[in-house]
Amino acid sequence: MKVCKFGGSSLADAAQVNKVIDIVLADPARRIVVVSAPGKRHSGDTKVTDLLIALAETALKGDNTDREFGEVAERYASMADALKLGDGIVKLIEDDLHGRLAQAKSLAPEEFMDLMKAAGEDNNAKLVAAAFEARGRKARYASPKDTGMVLKGSFGDATLDPESYARLSRAFSNFEGIVVYPGFFGYTREGKVATFPRGGSDITGSILAAAVCADVYENFTDVDSVYPCDPRIVEEVKNGDGIPTMTYREMRELAYAGFGVFNDDAVIPAVKARIPINIRNTNHPSAPGTMIQQSRRVVPGTVVGIASADGFCNIVVEKYLMNRQIGFGRRLLQVLEEAGISYEHMPSGVDSQCVVVKECYLPKENEHKILQALRRELEPDYVTIERDLTMVMVVGEGMCYTPGMLAKACLALASAGVSVSMVNQGSSEVSFMIAIRRQDRDPAVKALYRAFFS
């Protein structure tokens, strides 16, 4: 059995929905279909989720919601009309939206916002199930509440209750035909709607794949495969082959550093269950896509991808004979912990310690306070914060035990006139990270691509 998830661009209009149905019917193993809310139909369009957020905000203000409601209802009505589903499904969706809006005054704002955002996926799943039925195929909509998708944590940033796996497994064991399941949300133990963070539908698909022990989790998007680097930076990548296979470790490293095709949080359930993940293109279903799995055949001395992410800063602490002070690193991190700041990397020298953090966790207005706390606690010879850094990751299982990989990267950057602020390599040797100035991002990625892929 395969679990397949389709993103918003794959379900933006009736034509895309028909493509999805054709893809699912082409393989009898595709039994569980996870859907997102309808996405943009064209560049100037608005996603249904964004329309729902605007509708919720208007309702919370107590203003008239007719215009915003009409925009949401029209999207579903136009799809239903083009798919020839009749007025029944449209009325069902409109009644559902009215019922949610009626709770604007009785719920906390964050709870109401989750309730409204979830309407995008929930109603799209009902519409897609009806579209399968209209094509003469046995299909049914499945509710996260009825199947046991129980979440915990805060609204808008919920996580799965681990006990849900057993409930989901039992629920799906009795289903026949095709099951259409809404992504992005679940229910708390109290029966309230709660949503996952960004990439929520990816997370839902991964959870279901793990729960039913699927053979493959297919994630359909709008690209043929995962490219070895960002095609917006290196245009010639589009003319070459994508990555046919990669390991879970490689995908995690690349997703961390900015690969936008897949949300790294969504990988976790499938990774733990050892379910292969196949990233494919709804608009080009014959393409094999990229397969992400536990292991792969590796050619020594090769890399699988180069990723880059902006928005980092580096806290640099220097003190003579630092290495003789027991607990120095712990006290440094304790200052950050008390300020509510998590760190990303922590390379060090004999008398220096660097802590890389995301700039969003350390805004400029808090910088003086953090520096004062570090001076008070550590009494350093020198402490500063370097901002506007980009982290470039070079990733590949083929780098393990291969000499000269980092030297090759540094030589390429030097030839391109890119100055390196910091280098960090994990013990697994599956990747190394290079910190550079933000303005050097594009030439750095281009130089590294030429060095490892030309």
Protein backbone atom coordinates (compact mmCIF):
# COMPACT_ATOMS: atom_id res chain seq x y z
CA MET A 1 0.00 0.00 0.00
CA LYS A 2 1.08 3.53 -0.76
CA VAL A 3 0.16 6.74 1.03
CA CYS A 4 0.26 9.71 -1.35
CA LYS A 5 0.06 13.37 -0.39
CA PHE A 6 -0.82 16.18 -2.80
CA GLY A 7 0.10 19.79 -2.05
CA GLY A 8 -1.86 22.95 -2.68
CA SER A 9 -0.50 23.53 -6.20
CA SER A 10 -1.60 20.00 -7.11
CA LEU A 11 -5.18 20.79 -6.06
CA ALA A 12 -5.54 24.44 -7.07
CA ASP A 13 -8.43 23.91 -9.49
CA ALA A 14 -10.62 21.27 -11.13
CA ALA A 15 -8.05 20.43 -13.81
CA GLN A 16 -5.45 19.70 -11.14
CA VAL A 17 -7.93 17.60 -9.16
CA ASN A 18 -8.54 15.49 -12.27
CA LYS A 19 -4.77 15.00 -12.62
CA VAL A 20 -4.65 13.80 -9.02
CA ILE A 21 -7.49 11.33 -9.62
CA ASP A 22 -5.75 9.98 -12.74
CA ILE A 23 -2.50 9.52 -10.79
CA VAL A 24 -4.20 7.67 -7.94
CA LEU A 25 -6.24 5.42 -10.24
CA ALA A 26 -3.13 4.55 -12.27
CA ASP A 27 -1.76 2.52 -9.33
CA PRO A 28 -4.08 0.27 -7.26
CA ALA A 29 -1.57 0.46 -4.40
CA ARG A 30 -2.42 4.15 -3.87
CA ARG A 31 -5.08 3.69 -1.23
CA ILE A 32 -4.69 6.66 1.11
CA VAL A 33 -4.71 10.17 -0.37
CA VAL A 34 -3.75 13.12 1.87
CA VAL A 35 -4.79 16.51 0.52
CA SER A 36 -3.83 20.13 1.22
CA ALA A 37 -6.09 23.13 0.80
CA PRO A 38 -6.33 24.51 -2.77
CA GLY A 39 -3.25 26.57 -3.60
CA LYS A 40 -2.59 29.32 -6.11
CA ARG A 41 -4.03 28.88 -9.61
CA HIS A 42 -1.61 31.46 -11.01
CA SER A 43 1.07 33.84 -9.74
CA GLY A 44 -1.39 36.58 -8.79
CA ASP A 45 -3.80 34.25 -7.02
CA THR A 46 -4.30 33.69 -3.28
CA LYS A 47 -4.14 30.35 -1.47
CA VAL A 48 -7.36 29.20 0.19
CA THR A 49 -5.55 29.01 3.53
CA ASP A 50 -4.66 32.71 3.25
CA LEU A 51 -8.27 33.50 2.36
CA LEU A 52 -9.40 31.61 5.46
CA ILE A 53 -6.94 33.52 7.65
CA ALA A 54 -8.34 36.82 6.31
CA LEU A 55 -11.87 35.54 6.96
CA ALA A 56 -10.97 34.57 10.53
CA GLU A 57 -9.29 37.91 11.24
CA THR A 58 -12.36 39.80 10.00
CA ALA A 59 -14.65 37.64 12.15
CA LEU A 60 -12.48 38.21 15.25
CA LYS A 61 -12.78 41.97 14.72
CA GLY A 62 -16.55 41.63 14.65
CA ASP A 63 -16.77 43.08 11.13
CA ASN A 64 -19.00 41.89 8.29
CA THR A 65 -17.52 38.75 6.71
CA ASP A 66 -19.64 38.50 3.55
CA ARG A 67 -16.85 39.44 1.15
CA GLU A 68 -14.21 37.17 2.68
CA PHE A 69 -16.71 34.32 3.04
CA GLY A 70 -17.71 34.71 -0.61
CA GLU A 71 -14.09 34.47 -1.78
CA VAL A 72 -13.59 31.16 0.03
CA ALA A 73 -16.94 29.69 -0.99
CA GLU A 74 -16.41 30.72 -4.62
CA ARG A 75 -13.14 28.76 -4.85
CA TYR A 76 -14.83 25.53 -3.84
CA ALA A 77 -17.98 26.26 -5.87
CA SER A 78 -15.97 26.84 -9.07
CA MET A 79 -14.11 23.56 -8.57
CA ALA A 80 -17.32 21.65 -7.84
CA ASP A 81 -19.00 23.13 -10.91
CA ALA A 82 -16.12 22.24 -13.24
CA LEU A 83 -16.01 18.72 -11.80
CA LYS A 84 -19.81 18.41 -12.18
CA LEU A 85 -20.33 17.44 -8.54
CA GLY A 86 -23.68 19.19 -8.08
CA ASP A 87 -24.85 21.70 -5.51
CA GLY A 88 -24.86 19.28 -2.58
CA ILE A 89 -21.13 19.40 -1.94
CA VAL A 90 -21.13 23.21 -2.22
CA LYS A 91 -23.90 23.52 0.37
CA LEU A 92 -22.07 21.07 2.65
CA ILE A 93 -18.92 23.24 2.51
CA GLU A 94 -20.79 26.50 3.01
CA ASP A 95 -22.68 25.09 6.01
CA ASP A 96 -19.38 23.94 7.48
CA LEU A 97 -17.86 27.42 7.09
CA HIS A 98 -20.91 29.07 8.66
CA GLY A 99 -20.68 26.68 11.60
CA ARG A 100 -17.04 27.55 12.18
CA LEU A 101 -17.65 31.28 11.91
CA ALA A 102 -20.41 31.07 14.51
CA GLN A 103 -17.76 30.16 17.11
CA ALA A 104 -15.73 33.38 16.69
CA LYS A 105 -16.92 34.87 19.98
CA SER A 106 -16.92 31.69 22.04
CA LEU A 107 -13.34 30.54 21.34
CA ALA A 108 -9.95 32.00 22.19
CA PRO A 109 -8.44 33.78 19.14
CA GLU A 110 -5.68 31.20 18.57
CA GLU A 111 -8.18 28.35 18.90
CA PHE A 112 -10.60 29.98 16.47
CA MET A 113 -7.80 30.66 13.99
CA ASP A 114 -6.84 26.97 13.95
CA LEU A 115 -10.47 26.00 13.48
CA MET A 116 -10.76 28.28 10.45
CA LYS A 117 -7.41 27.36 8.88
CA ALA A 118 -8.23 23.66 9.08
CA ALA A 119 -11.37 24.26 6.99
CA GLY A 120 -9.18 24.48 3.86
CA GLU A 121 -7.92 20.91 4.01
CA ASP A 122 -11.06 19.47 5.59
CA ASN A 123 -13.45 20.73 2.93
CA ASN A 124 -11.04 19.99 0.10
CA ALA A 125 -10.87 16.37 1.24
CA LYS A 126 -14.68 16.17 1.07
CA LEU A 127 -14.65 17.69 -2.42
CA VAL A 128 -11.90 15.38 -3.72
CA ALA A 129 -13.68 12.31 -2.30
CA ALA A 130 -16.83 13.39 -4.12
CA ALA A 131 -14.79 13.82 -7.32
CA PHE A 132 -13.55 10.22 -7.07
CA GLU A 133 -17.14 9.05 -6.61
CA ALA A 134 -18.21 11.09 -9.66
CA ARG A 135 -15.60 9.19 -11.67
CA GLY A 136 -17.23 5.92 -10.59
CA ARG A 137 -14.62 4.93 -8.02
CA LYS A 138 -15.33 3.90 -4.45
CA ALA A 139 -13.87 6.58 -2.20
CA ARG A 140 -14.62 8.12 1.16
CA TYR A 141 -13.62 11.12 3.20
CA ALA A 142 -12.03 10.22 6.54
CA SER A 143 -12.09 12.61 9.48
CA PRO A 144 -8.99 13.06 11.67
CA LYS A 145 -11.33 13.06 14.66
CA ASP A 146 -12.98 9.76 13.80
CA THR A 147 -9.70 8.03 12.96
CA GLY A 148 -7.87 9.11 16.12
CA MET A 149 -5.44 11.83 14.97
CA VAL A 150 -4.92 13.26 18.47
CA LEU A 151 -2.57 16.24 18.86
CA LYS A 152 -1.01 17.96 21.84
CA GLY A 153 0.78 21.23 22.44
CA SER A 154 -0.17 24.76 21.49
CA PHE A 155 -2.55 25.81 18.74
CA GLY A 156 -0.76 26.43 15.45
CA ASP A 157 2.25 24.43 16.58
CA ALA A 158 0.79 21.12 17.70
CA THR A 159 2.50 17.73 17.65
CA LEU A 160 1.16 14.21 17.45
CA ASP A 161 0.26 12.24 20.56
CA PRO A 162 2.31 9.03 20.06
CA GLU A 163 -0.67 6.92 21.09
CA SER A 164 -2.37 8.04 17.88
CA TYR A 165 -0.37 5.57 15.79
CA ALA A 166 -2.21 2.57 17.24
CA ARG A 167 -5.60 4.27 16.83
CA LEU A 168 -4.88 5.24 13.22
CA SER A 169 -3.65 1.74 12.41
CA ARG A 170 -6.88 0.20 13.73
CA ALA A 171 -9.05 2.77 11.93
CA PHE A 172 -7.48 2.19 8.53
CA SER A 173 -7.53 -1.60 8.80
CA ASN A 174 -11.28 -1.59 8.07
CA PHE A 175 -11.34 0.87 5.17
CA GLU A 176 -12.14 -0.22 1.63
CA GLY A 177 -11.52 1.62 -1.61
CA ILE A 178 -9.72 4.96 -1.64
CA VAL A 179 -9.52 7.04 1.51
CA VAL A 180 -9.22 10.83 1.16
CA TYR A 181 -7.75 12.37 4.29
CA PRO A 182 -7.31 16.08 5.13
CA GLY A 183 -3.79 17.14 6.06
CA PHE A 184 -2.53 19.83 8.42
CA PHE A 185 -4.74 19.28 11.47
CA GLY A 186 -6.03 16.94 14.13
CA TYR A 187 -7.93 17.15 17.39
CA THR A 188 -6.88 17.59 21.00
CA ARG A 189 -8.06 15.20 23.69
CA GLU A 190 -10.73 17.78 24.49
CA GLY A 191 -12.03 17.57 20.91
CA LYS A 192 -10.69 20.93 19.73
CA VAL A 193 -9.16 21.45 16.29
CA ALA A 194 -5.39 22.04 16.35
CA THR A 195 -2.98 22.44 13.45
CA PHE A 196 0.58 21.39 12.81
CA PRO A 197 3.20 24.07 12.04
CA ARG A 198 4.34 24.81 8.47
CA GLY A 199 4.36 21.82 6.14
CA GLY A 200 1.48 20.37 8.13
CA SER A 201 0.04 18.26 5.31
CA ASP A 202 3.47 16.70 4.75
CA ILE A 203 3.49 15.77 8.43
CA THR A 204 0.03 14.21 8.18
CA GLY A 205 1.07 12.10 5.20
CA SER A 206 4.21 10.93 6.95
CA ILE A 207 2.25 10.02 10.09
CA LEU A 208 -0.29 7.97 8.15
CA ALA A 209 2.45 6.19 6.18
CA ALA A 210 4.07 5.18 9.46
CA ALA A 211 0.76 4.21 11.07
CA VAL A 212 -0.27 1.81 8.27
CA CYS A 213 3.30 0.61 7.56
CA ALA A 214 3.06 1.76 3.94
CA ASP A 215 5.48 0.45 1.34
CA VAL A 216 6.12 4.00 0.11
CA TYR A 217 5.08 7.52 1.08
CA GLU A 218 4.64 9.48 -2.16
CA ASN A 219 4.79 13.24 -1.81
CA PHE A 220 3.50 14.92 -4.95
CA THR A 221 4.53 18.51 -5.56
CA ASP A 222 5.34 20.70 -8.60
CA VAL A 223 8.93 19.61 -9.39
CA ASP A 224 10.19 16.46 -11.11
CA SER A 225 12.71 15.70 -8.39
CA VAL A 226 14.97 17.27 -5.81
CA TYR A 227 17.71 19.29 -7.49
CA PRO A 228 21.28 19.21 -6.15
CA CYS A 229 21.08 22.95 -5.41
CA ASP A 230 18.69 25.87 -5.72
CA PRO A 231 17.87 26.38 -9.44
CA ARG A 232 17.12 30.04 -8.72
CA ILE A 233 20.83 30.47 -7.95
CA VAL A 234 22.33 27.99 -10.44
CA GLU A 235 20.07 28.04 -13.50
CA GLU A 236 21.86 25.24 -15.34
CA VAL A 237 20.65 22.81 -12.67
CA LYS A 238 17.25 22.77 -14.43
CA ASN A 239 18.89 21.30 -17.53
CA GLY A 240 20.55 18.47 -15.65
CA ASP A 241 19.29 15.44 -13.79
CA GLY A 242 17.77 15.66 -10.35
CA ILE A 243 18.83 13.53 -7.41
CA PRO A 244 17.54 9.96 -8.01
CA THR A 245 18.09 8.68 -4.47
CA MET A 246 19.26 10.08 -1.17
CA THR A 247 19.35 8.90 2.41
CA TYR A 248 17.30 10.18 5.30
CA ARG A 249 20.44 11.78 6.75
CA GLU A 250 21.18 13.62 3.52
CA MET A 251 17.63 14.95 3.25
CA ARG A 252 17.66 16.12 6.86
CA GLU A 253 20.88 18.07 6.34
CA LEU A 254 19.67 19.65 3.10
CA ALA A 255 16.23 20.52 4.46
CA TYR A 256 17.82 22.17 7.48
CA ALA A 257 19.84 24.47 5.24
CA GLY A 258 17.01 25.67 3.08
CA PHE A 259 15.88 22.95 0.66
CA GLY A 260 12.24 23.98 0.30
CA VAL A 261 10.92 20.89 -1.50
CA PHE A 262 10.36 19.00 1.73
CA ASN A 263 9.87 20.07 5.29
CA ASP A 264 12.41 18.25 7.47
CA ASP A 265 9.93 17.94 10.38
CA ALA A 266 7.64 15.96 8.09
CA VAL A 267 10.34 13.35 7.50
CA ILE A 268 10.48 12.23 11.13
CA PRO A 269 7.51 9.79 11.32
CA ALA A 270 8.45 8.08 8.04
CA VAL A 271 12.14 7.96 8.98
CA LYS A 272 11.45 6.31 12.33
CA ALA A 273 9.25 3.73 10.60
CA ARG A 274 11.83 3.24 7.80
CA ILE A 275 9.25 4.14 5.13
CA PRO A 276 10.81 5.21 1.80
CA ILE A 277 9.71 8.69 0.69
CA ASN A 278 9.22 9.38 -3.02
CA ILE A 279 9.04 13.04 -4.09
CA ARG A 280 7.21 13.31 -7.43
CA ASN A 281 5.60 15.82 -9.79
CA THR A 282 1.81 15.97 -10.17
CA ASN A 283 2.23 17.62 -13.56
CA HIS A 284 4.73 15.01 -14.77
CA PRO A 285 3.69 11.76 -13.06
CA SER A 286 5.81 9.55 -15.32
CA ALA A 287 9.00 11.01 -13.86
CA PRO A 288 10.40 8.69 -11.14
CA GLY A 289 11.22 11.60 -8.84
CA THR A 290 13.60 11.40 -5.90
CA MET A 291 13.53 8.43 -3.53
CA ILE A 292 14.58 9.05 0.07
CA GLN A 293 15.48 5.91 1.99
CA GLN A 294 17.57 4.44 4.77
CA SER A 295 20.63 3.73 2.62
CA ARG A 296 21.79 3.95 -0.97
CA ARG A 297 24.69 2.96 -3.18
CA VAL A 298 27.40 5.58 -2.67
CA VAL A 299 30.28 6.63 -4.91
CA PRO A 300 33.20 7.80 -2.73
CA GLY A 301 34.18 11.43 -3.16
CA THR A 302 30.77 12.62 -4.36
CA VAL A 303 28.19 14.93 -2.83
CA VAL A 304 24.43 14.79 -3.26
CA GLY A 305 23.52 18.44 -2.78
CA ILE A 306 24.46 21.97 -1.76
CA ALA A 307 22.07 24.05 0.31
CA SER A 308 22.20 27.54 1.79
CA ALA A 309 20.17 29.43 4.37
CA ASP A 310 20.29 33.06 5.47
CA GLY A 311 19.43 34.52 8.85
CA PHE A 312 22.21 33.41 11.19
CA CYS A 313 24.49 35.22 13.61
CA ASN A 314 27.60 34.12 15.48
CA ILE A 315 28.38 34.84 19.14
CA VAL A 316 32.17 34.89 19.48
CA VAL A 317 33.73 34.58 22.96
CA GLU A 318 37.50 34.66 23.50
CA LYS A 319 39.38 34.13 26.76
CA TYR A 320 42.99 33.14 27.37
CA LEU A 321 43.30 29.64 28.91
CA MET A 322 39.60 29.02 28.37
CA ASN A 323 40.28 25.31 27.98
CA ARG A 324 41.38 25.10 31.63
CA GLN A 325 38.15 26.55 33.00
CA ILE A 326 35.85 23.68 33.85
CA GLY A 327 32.23 24.43 32.99
CA PHE A 328 32.96 27.38 30.68
CA GLY A 329 30.82 26.03 27.85
CA ARG A 330 28.00 25.10 30.19
CA ARG A 331 27.89 28.61 31.66
CA LEU A 332 27.90 30.15 28.18
CA LEU A 333 24.95 28.04 27.10
CA GLN A 334 23.18 28.71 30.39
CA VAL A 335 23.17 32.44 29.58
CA LEU A 336 21.49 31.64 26.27
CA GLU A 337 19.06 29.22 27.91
CA GLU A 338 17.95 31.81 30.43
CA ALA A 339 17.35 34.21 27.52
CA GLY A 340 15.25 31.59 25.70
CA ILE A 341 17.75 31.18 22.83
CA SER A 342 18.50 27.81 21.25
CA TYR A 343 21.76 27.34 19.39
CA GLU A 344 22.48 25.69 16.03
CA HIS A 345 26.24 25.00 16.02
CA MET A 346 29.08 25.41 18.47
CA PRO A 347 32.58 25.23 16.91
CA SER A 348 35.50 26.11 19.19
CA GLY A 349 39.20 26.81 19.40
CA VAL A 350 41.63 26.54 22.30
CA ASP A 351 40.85 30.01 23.62
CA SER A 352 37.68 30.81 21.67
CA GLN A 353 34.11 29.60 21.56
CA CYS A 354 31.56 30.34 18.85
CA VAL A 355 27.84 29.81 19.14
CA VAL A 356 25.76 30.06 15.97
CA VAL A 357 22.12 31.02 16.51
CA LYS A 358 19.29 32.10 14.24
CA GLU A 359 18.93 35.86 14.09
CA CYS A 360 15.19 35.61 14.75
CA TYR A 361 16.02 34.32 18.25
CA LEU A 362 18.45 37.17 18.90
CA PRO A 363 16.98 40.46 17.62
CA LYS A 364 19.24 43.50 17.67
CA GLU A 365 17.32 45.12 20.50
CA ASN A 366 18.30 42.19 22.77
CA GLU A 367 21.94 42.14 21.72
CA HIS A 368 23.26 44.49 24.42
CA LYS A 369 21.49 42.53 27.15
CA ILE A 370 23.02 39.22 26.01
CA LEU A 371 26.53 40.68 25.72
CA GLN A 372 26.27 42.16 29.21
CA ALA A 373 25.15 38.80 30.62
CA LEU A 374 28.05 37.01 28.91
CA ARG A 375 30.58 39.52 30.24
CA ARG A 376 29.18 39.24 33.73
CA GLU A 377 29.10 35.43 33.77
CA LEU A 378 32.27 34.56 31.80
CA GLU A 379 34.57 37.62 32.20
CA PRO A 380 35.92 37.12 28.65
CA ASP A 381 38.78 38.99 27.03
CA TYR A 382 36.59 39.67 24.02
CA VAL A 383 32.98 39.01 23.05
CA THR A 384 31.00 40.12 20.01
CA ILE A 385 28.09 39.14 17.79
CA GLU A 386 28.56 38.81 14.02
CA ARG A 387 25.36 39.23 12.02
CA ASP A 388 24.12 38.70 8.45
CA LEU A 389 25.63 35.26 8.03
CA THR A 390 24.60 32.55 5.56
CA MET A 391 25.18 28.87 6.26
CA VAL A 392 26.15 26.78 3.24
CA MET A 393 25.88 23.01 3.63
CA VAL A 394 27.70 20.52 1.41
CA VAL A 395 26.03 17.14 1.89
CA GLY A 396 26.69 13.59 0.75
CA GLU A 397 27.25 10.12 2.15
CA GLY A 398 30.09 9.83 -0.38
CA MET A 399 32.18 12.30 1.64
CA CYS A 400 32.67 9.81 4.49
CA TYR A 401 36.31 8.79 4.86
CA THR A 402 37.21 10.67 1.66
CA PRO A 403 40.16 13.05 2.06
CA GLY A 404 40.24 16.47 0.43
CA MET A 405 36.51 17.23 0.28
CA LEU A 406 36.67 20.27 2.56
CA ALA A 407 39.87 21.45 0.86
CA LYS A 408 38.11 21.25 -2.50
CA ALA A 409 35.26 23.41 -1.20
CA CYS A 410 37.55 26.01 0.37
CA LEU A 411 39.65 26.23 -2.78
CA ALA A 412 36.50 26.83 -4.87
CA LEU A 413 35.34 29.57 -2.52
CA ALA A 414 38.78 31.21 -2.48
CA SER A 415 38.86 31.21 -6.27
CA ALA A 416 35.47 32.95 -6.26
CA GLY A 417 36.69 35.58 -3.80
CA VAL A 418 34.41 34.37 -1.00
CA SER A 419 35.72 34.78 2.53
CA VAL A 420 34.95 31.99 5.01
CA SER A 421 33.90 33.03 8.51
CA MET A 422 33.69 29.58 10.04
CA VAL A 423 33.73 25.88 9.17
CA ASN A 424 32.03 23.08 11.07
CA GLN A 425 31.97 19.35 10.24
CA GLY A 426 30.03 16.71 12.15
CA SER A 427 31.58 13.43 13.22
CA SER A 428 29.42 11.49 10.75
CA GLU A 429 31.22 13.26 7.86
CA VAL A 430 27.99 13.26 5.86
CA SER A 431 28.12 17.07 5.65
CA PHE A 432 30.12 20.15 6.46
CA MET A 433 28.88 23.67 7.06
CA ILE A 434 30.59 26.88 5.97
CA ALA A 435 29.56 30.28 7.30
CA ILE A 436 29.91 33.19 4.87
CA ARG A 437 28.64 36.76 4.55
CA ARG A 438 25.08 37.00 3.27
CA GLN A 439 26.09 39.00 0.19
CA ASP A 440 28.41 36.14 -0.87
CA ARG A 441 25.67 33.50 -0.93
CA ASP A 442 25.06 33.26 -4.69
CA PRO A 443 28.70 33.25 -5.84
CA ALA A 444 29.51 30.72 -3.10
CA VAL A 445 26.79 28.28 -4.16
CA LYS A 446 27.74 28.66 -7.83
CA ALA A 447 31.42 28.03 -7.06
CA LEU A 448 30.65 24.94 -5.00
CA TYR A 449 28.29 23.57 -7.65
CA ARG A 450 31.00 23.92 -10.31
CA ALA A 451 33.54 22.27 -8.04
CA PHE A 452 31.46 19.21 -7.19
CA PHE A 453 29.08 18.75 -10.12
CA SER A 454 30.65 20.15 -13.29
